[in-house]
């Protein structure tokens, strides 16, 4: 089952568990809820999740499939957890009362979701320590491509980490994802100055030449690096030219650029700061590609 649906089911079961334990169920609570959802056409396939999240799939559909005696408020909360949790989180985030109540409660009484939502590089130390305790120091945090925490899938893995070892990678929505321990984060990528390969840029700024470079335009930086390596011209004089203008100004360099591009051998100015062997991470002695 996909971790997205599995995580929602586990959250919903926590809400219903005290009442389901009194019911004469022939299966465990999670299996019971999965069967209810399957009767509604909701499984762990993509179309199954789309069915669950569709506005046309309502609480009444859910309620009609339940024969057990469970108070409506609990059923409604469980249904809200089964639906997209982002809506609930946004509502809670904008609720002054909810924020105040959360602040007053000891962090040990917060739910896994509440603690995880506060987790980031800049979070208070107590948030990090609490997540380390709950995850037993095991791999459990998953990040999106933009390096923000994938809360839904991380929540699933934290619950797994409570009682079993977890791997360093895991299959999430048919993609292999890196699992990090609490306190570990994806390495930030920095760029070398196109002129001074031993200097890493901070917000595009090179302390050696004093120039601010646009690191979003990598082909422009790469072309300037080739000018530096293959001519006696100072590339900084042409840093305000766009790429098209550079190719016209330096036709021979453009031939080199295109040949290297075709061979997938263009120099890369992107660096991982952890790969520096220097005591000053922003001054490196060699140029490495990755």
Protein backbone atom coordinates (compact mmCIF):
# COMPACT_ATOMS: atom_id res chain seq x y z
CA UNK A 1 0.00 0.00 0.00
CA UNK A 2 1.24 3.49 -0.79
CA UNK A 3 2.70 5.32 2.18
CA UNK A 4 0.38 8.27 1.54
CA UNK A 5 -2.77 6.19 2.09
CA UNK A 6 -1.17 4.05 4.80
CA UNK A 7 -0.27 7.14 6.83
CA UNK A 8 -3.81 8.52 6.57
CA UNK A 9 -5.31 5.20 7.62
CA UNK A 10 -3.03 4.98 10.66
CA UNK A 11 -4.02 8.51 11.70
CA UNK A 12 -7.73 7.73 11.32
CA UNK A 13 -7.44 4.45 13.22
CA UNK A 14 -5.87 6.28 16.18
CA UNK A 15 -9.05 8.38 16.42
CA UNK A 16 -11.39 5.38 16.19
CA UNK A 17 -9.36 2.79 18.10
CA UNK A 18 -10.99 3.18 21.51
CA UNK A 19 -14.43 2.49 20.00
CA UNK A 20 -13.29 -0.23 17.61
CA UNK A 21 -11.67 -2.13 20.48
CA UNK A 22 -15.13 -2.49 22.00
CA UNK A 23 -16.70 -3.64 18.74
CA UNK A 24 -16.80 -7.29 17.73
CA UNK A 25 -14.40 -6.97 14.79
CA UNK A 26 -13.26 -10.09 12.98
CA UNK A 27 -10.06 -8.35 11.85
CA UNK A 28 -7.69 -5.73 13.27
CA UNK A 29 -8.66 -2.04 13.13
CA UNK A 30 -6.47 -1.14 10.15
CA UNK A 31 -7.78 -4.05 8.08
CA UNK A 32 -11.33 -3.06 9.03
CA UNK A 33 -10.83 0.49 7.80
CA UNK A 34 -9.09 -0.66 4.61
CA UNK A 35 -12.12 -2.87 3.89
CA UNK A 36 -14.47 0.09 4.43
CA UNK A 37 -12.46 2.19 1.98
CA UNK A 38 -12.30 -0.63 -0.55
CA UNK A 39 -16.11 -0.80 -0.49
CA UNK A 40 -16.03 2.88 -1.48
CA UNK A 41 -13.69 2.17 -4.41
CA UNK A 42 -10.65 3.51 -2.56
CA UNK A 43 -7.45 1.50 -2.75
CA UNK A 44 -3.75 2.37 -2.93
CA UNK A 45 -3.77 2.93 -6.70
CA UNK A 46 -3.51 6.42 -8.15
CA UNK A 47 -7.18 6.43 -9.14
CA UNK A 48 -8.03 5.15 -5.65
CA UNK A 49 -6.33 8.13 -4.01
CA UNK A 50 -7.98 10.47 -6.51
CA UNK A 51 -11.34 8.97 -5.54
CA UNK A 52 -10.62 9.57 -1.86
CA UNK A 53 -9.53 13.18 -2.40
CA UNK A 54 -12.34 14.06 -4.82
CA UNK A 55 -14.89 16.60 -3.58
CA UNK A 56 -17.65 14.24 -4.74
CA UNK A 57 -16.53 11.63 -2.18
CA UNK A 58 -18.17 12.77 1.04
CA UNK A 59 -18.49 11.96 4.72
CA UNK A 60 -21.96 10.55 4.03
CA UNK A 61 -20.39 7.96 1.69
CA UNK A 62 -18.04 7.01 4.49
CA UNK A 63 -20.71 6.91 7.20
CA UNK A 64 -23.06 4.70 5.17
CA UNK A 65 -20.43 1.96 5.03
CA UNK A 66 -19.97 1.80 8.81
CA UNK A 67 -22.19 -0.43 10.93
CA UNK A 68 -20.28 -0.07 14.22
CA UNK A 69 -21.56 2.28 16.91
CA UNK A 70 -19.08 5.15 16.73
CA UNK A 71 -19.94 8.77 17.69
CA UNK A 72 -20.28 11.07 14.68
CA UNK A 73 -17.65 13.57 15.90
CA UNK A 74 -15.05 10.79 15.96
CA UNK A 75 -16.13 9.59 12.52
CA UNK A 76 -15.92 13.11 11.14
CA UNK A 77 -12.43 13.61 12.52
CA UNK A 78 -11.32 10.25 11.13
CA UNK A 79 -12.78 11.18 7.73
CA UNK A 80 -10.92 14.50 7.80
CA UNK A 81 -7.68 12.62 8.42
CA UNK A 82 -8.41 10.27 5.54
CA UNK A 83 -9.01 13.18 3.21
CA UNK A 84 -6.08 15.42 2.29
CA UNK A 85 -4.39 16.38 5.55
CA UNK A 86 -3.02 19.62 4.10
CA UNK A 87 -6.42 21.27 4.51
CA UNK A 88 -6.54 20.35 8.20
CA UNK A 89 -2.99 21.55 8.77
CA UNK A 90 -3.73 24.89 7.12
CA UNK A 91 -6.84 25.37 9.25
CA UNK A 92 -4.90 24.60 12.41
CA UNK A 93 -2.05 26.88 11.38
CA UNK A 94 -4.43 29.82 11.07
CA UNK A 95 -6.21 29.13 14.34
CA UNK A 96 -4.91 31.31 17.19
CA UNK A 97 -6.62 29.08 19.73
CA UNK A 98 -5.02 25.92 18.34
CA UNK A 99 -1.60 27.56 18.30
CA UNK A 100 -1.99 28.69 21.90
CA UNK A 101 -3.13 25.27 23.07
CA UNK A 102 -0.21 23.62 21.29
CA UNK A 103 2.25 26.06 22.85
CA UNK A 104 0.94 25.41 26.35
CA UNK A 105 1.08 21.64 26.03
CA UNK A 106 4.42 19.92 26.81
CA UNK A 107 6.07 18.84 23.58
CA UNK A 108 5.92 15.25 24.75
CA UNK A 109 2.12 15.46 24.45
CA UNK A 110 2.20 16.70 20.86
CA UNK A 111 1.19 14.29 18.12
CA UNK A 112 3.83 13.01 15.71
CA UNK A 113 2.30 15.20 13.02
CA UNK A 114 2.48 18.34 15.16
CA UNK A 115 6.14 17.81 16.03
CA UNK A 116 7.08 16.94 12.45
CA UNK A 117 5.40 20.06 11.09
CA UNK A 118 7.75 22.19 13.21
CA UNK A 119 10.88 20.34 12.08
CA UNK A 120 13.41 22.18 9.91
CA UNK A 121 17.04 23.28 9.96
CA UNK A 122 16.03 26.27 12.06
CA UNK A 123 13.64 24.51 14.45
CA UNK A 124 14.12 24.71 18.24
CA UNK A 125 16.43 22.09 19.71
CA UNK A 126 13.58 20.50 21.67
CA UNK A 127 11.74 19.67 18.42
CA UNK A 128 14.79 17.85 17.09
CA UNK A 129 15.37 16.02 20.37
CA UNK A 130 11.74 14.90 20.56
CA UNK A 131 11.81 13.50 17.02
CA UNK A 132 15.09 11.71 17.74
CA UNK A 133 13.48 10.10 20.78
CA UNK A 134 10.38 9.00 18.90
CA UNK A 135 12.32 7.65 15.93
CA UNK A 136 14.90 5.89 18.16
CA UNK A 137 17.62 7.66 16.15
CA UNK A 138 16.70 5.71 13.01
CA UNK A 139 16.34 6.91 9.42
CA UNK A 140 12.89 8.39 8.97
CA UNK A 141 12.92 11.88 7.39
CA UNK A 142 12.17 12.31 3.69
CA UNK A 143 12.66 15.55 1.78
CA UNK A 144 11.08 16.95 -1.36
CA UNK A 145 13.27 18.15 -4.24
CA UNK A 146 13.10 21.70 -2.83
CA UNK A 147 14.60 20.34 0.42
CA UNK A 148 11.44 20.88 2.48
CA UNK A 149 10.24 18.00 4.66
CA UNK A 150 7.82 15.53 3.11
CA UNK A 151 5.63 15.48 6.22
CA UNK A 152 3.17 12.81 5.13
CA UNK A 153 5.73 10.18 4.18
CA UNK A 154 8.09 11.10 7.03
CA UNK A 155 5.20 10.59 9.45
CA UNK A 156 4.75 7.07 8.10
CA UNK A 157 8.45 6.28 8.51
CA UNK A 158 8.66 7.72 12.04
CA UNK A 159 5.93 5.34 13.11
CA UNK A 160 7.86 2.46 11.55
CA UNK A 161 11.09 3.59 13.23
CA UNK A 162 9.48 3.31 16.67
CA UNK A 163 9.63 -0.46 16.66
CA UNK A 164 11.93 -1.59 13.83
CA UNK A 165 15.12 -0.68 12.00
CA UNK A 166 14.61 1.43 8.89
CA UNK A 167 16.69 1.47 5.69
CA UNK A 168 18.69 4.38 4.30
CA UNK A 169 16.48 4.43 1.18
CA UNK A 170 12.82 3.62 0.63
CA UNK A 171 10.43 3.32 -2.33
CA UNK A 172 8.00 6.27 -2.23
CA UNK A 173 5.43 6.56 -5.01
CA UNK A 174 7.62 4.40 -7.27
CA UNK A 175 10.71 6.54 -6.60
CA UNK A 176 13.71 5.64 -4.45
CA UNK A 177 14.04 8.31 -1.75
CA UNK A 178 16.86 8.93 0.71
CA UNK A 179 15.89 8.53 4.37
CA UNK A 180 17.68 10.81 6.81
CA UNK A 181 18.08 10.60 10.56
CA UNK A 182 16.67 13.51 12.56
CA UNK A 183 19.31 16.25 12.54
CA UNK A 184 20.60 15.30 9.08
CA UNK A 185 19.68 17.32 5.99
CA UNK A 186 20.38 17.14 2.24
CA UNK A 187 23.66 18.84 1.40
CA UNK A 188 23.30 22.30 -0.05
CA UNK A 189 24.70 22.84 -3.53
CA UNK A 190 26.96 25.84 -4.06
CA UNK A 191 28.57 27.23 -7.19
CA UNK A 192 32.16 28.07 -7.98
CA UNK A 193 32.99 31.48 -9.37
CA UNK A 194 33.38 31.09 -13.16
CA UNK A 195 36.66 33.01 -12.98
CA UNK A 196 38.06 31.81 -9.64
CA UNK A 197 37.44 28.08 -9.44
CA UNK A 198 38.77 27.94 -5.87
CA UNK A 199 36.03 30.26 -4.56
CA UNK A 200 32.48 29.15 -3.77
CA UNK A 201 29.80 31.80 -4.27
CA UNK A 202 27.59 32.99 -1.43
CA UNK A 203 24.32 34.31 -2.85
CA UNK A 204 26.23 34.65 -6.11
CA UNK A 205 28.98 36.80 -4.57
CA UNK A 206 32.68 36.05 -5.14
CA UNK A 207 34.98 37.52 -2.50
CA UNK A 208 37.96 37.36 -4.89
CA UNK A 209 36.63 39.41 -7.82
CA UNK A 210 33.83 41.17 -5.95
CA UNK A 211 31.30 40.27 -8.65
CA UNK A 212 27.78 38.94 -8.11
CA UNK A 213 26.95 36.11 -10.51
CA UNK A 214 23.56 34.77 -11.55
CA UNK A 215 23.70 31.11 -10.52
CA UNK A 216 20.34 30.44 -12.15
CA UNK A 217 21.93 30.88 -15.58
CA UNK A 218 24.38 27.98 -15.50
CA UNK A 219 25.08 27.89 -19.24
CA UNK A 220 26.22 31.53 -19.04
CA UNK A 221 28.60 30.74 -16.15
CA UNK A 222 29.92 27.66 -17.93
CA UNK A 223 30.64 29.65 -21.09
CA UNK A 224 32.55 32.25 -19.07
CA UNK A 225 34.59 29.45 -17.45
CA UNK A 226 35.55 28.19 -20.93
CA UNK A 227 36.62 31.71 -21.91
CA UNK A 228 38.83 31.77 -18.81
CA UNK A 229 40.36 28.38 -19.60
CA UNK A 230 40.88 28.83 -23.33
CA UNK A 231 41.77 32.52 -23.83
CA UNK A 232 43.79 35.27 -22.22
CA UNK A 233 40.64 37.41 -22.02
CA UNK A 234 39.25 38.43 -18.62
CA UNK A 235 35.68 37.00 -18.60
CA UNK A 236 34.51 39.54 -16.04
CA UNK A 237 34.45 42.13 -18.82
CA UNK A 238 31.67 40.15 -20.49
CA UNK A 239 29.65 39.04 -17.48
CA UNK A 240 26.71 41.28 -18.38
CA UNK A 241 26.40 39.76 -21.87
CA UNK A 242 23.67 37.17 -22.29
CA UNK A 243 24.45 33.72 -23.65
CA UNK A 244 23.49 34.51 -27.25
CA UNK A 245 25.74 37.57 -27.24
CA UNK A 246 28.63 35.57 -25.81
CA UNK A 247 28.40 32.94 -28.54
CA UNK A 248 28.64 35.65 -31.18
CA UNK A 249 31.52 37.44 -29.44
CA UNK A 250 33.46 34.17 -28.97
CA UNK A 251 32.61 31.86 -31.91
CA UNK A 252 35.61 29.57 -31.29
CA UNK A 253 34.63 29.13 -27.64
CA UNK A 254 31.11 28.36 -28.79
CA UNK A 255 32.47 25.50 -30.92
CA UNK A 256 34.26 24.11 -27.84
CA UNK A 257 31.11 24.59 -25.77
CA UNK A 258 28.91 22.69 -28.25
CA UNK A 259 31.45 19.85 -28.61
CA UNK A 260 31.68 19.39 -24.86
CA UNK A 261 27.91 19.62 -24.55
CA UNK A 262 27.42 16.90 -27.18
CA UNK A 263 29.88 14.70 -25.28
CA UNK A 264 28.26 15.54 -21.94
CA UNK A 265 31.61 16.86 -20.72
CA UNK A 266 30.84 20.50 -19.97
CA UNK A 267 32.57 21.67 -16.78
CA UNK A 268 30.22 21.80 -13.83
CA UNK A 269 30.50 24.70 -11.43
CA UNK A 270 28.15 23.12 -8.92
CA UNK A 271 29.74 21.84 -5.71
CA UNK A 272 28.69 20.16 -2.50
CA UNK A 273 30.20 22.02 0.44
CA UNK A 274 30.97 18.76 2.25
CA UNK A 275 33.41 17.79 -0.50
CA UNK A 276 35.79 20.58 0.45
CA UNK A 277 39.04 19.49 2.07
CA UNK A 278 39.93 23.04 3.04
CA UNK A 279 39.60 24.50 6.52
CA UNK A 280 37.77 27.33 4.78
CA UNK A 281 34.86 25.62 2.96
CA UNK A 282 34.45 28.58 0.61
CA UNK A 283 38.03 28.34 -0.65
CA UNK A 284 38.77 25.03 -2.35
CA UNK A 285 41.97 23.85 -3.94
CA UNK A 286 40.68 21.73 -6.80
CA UNK A 287 37.77 21.75 -9.19
CA UNK A 288 35.52 18.70 -8.93
CA UNK A 289 32.59 17.82 -11.13
CA UNK A 290 29.47 15.91 -10.14
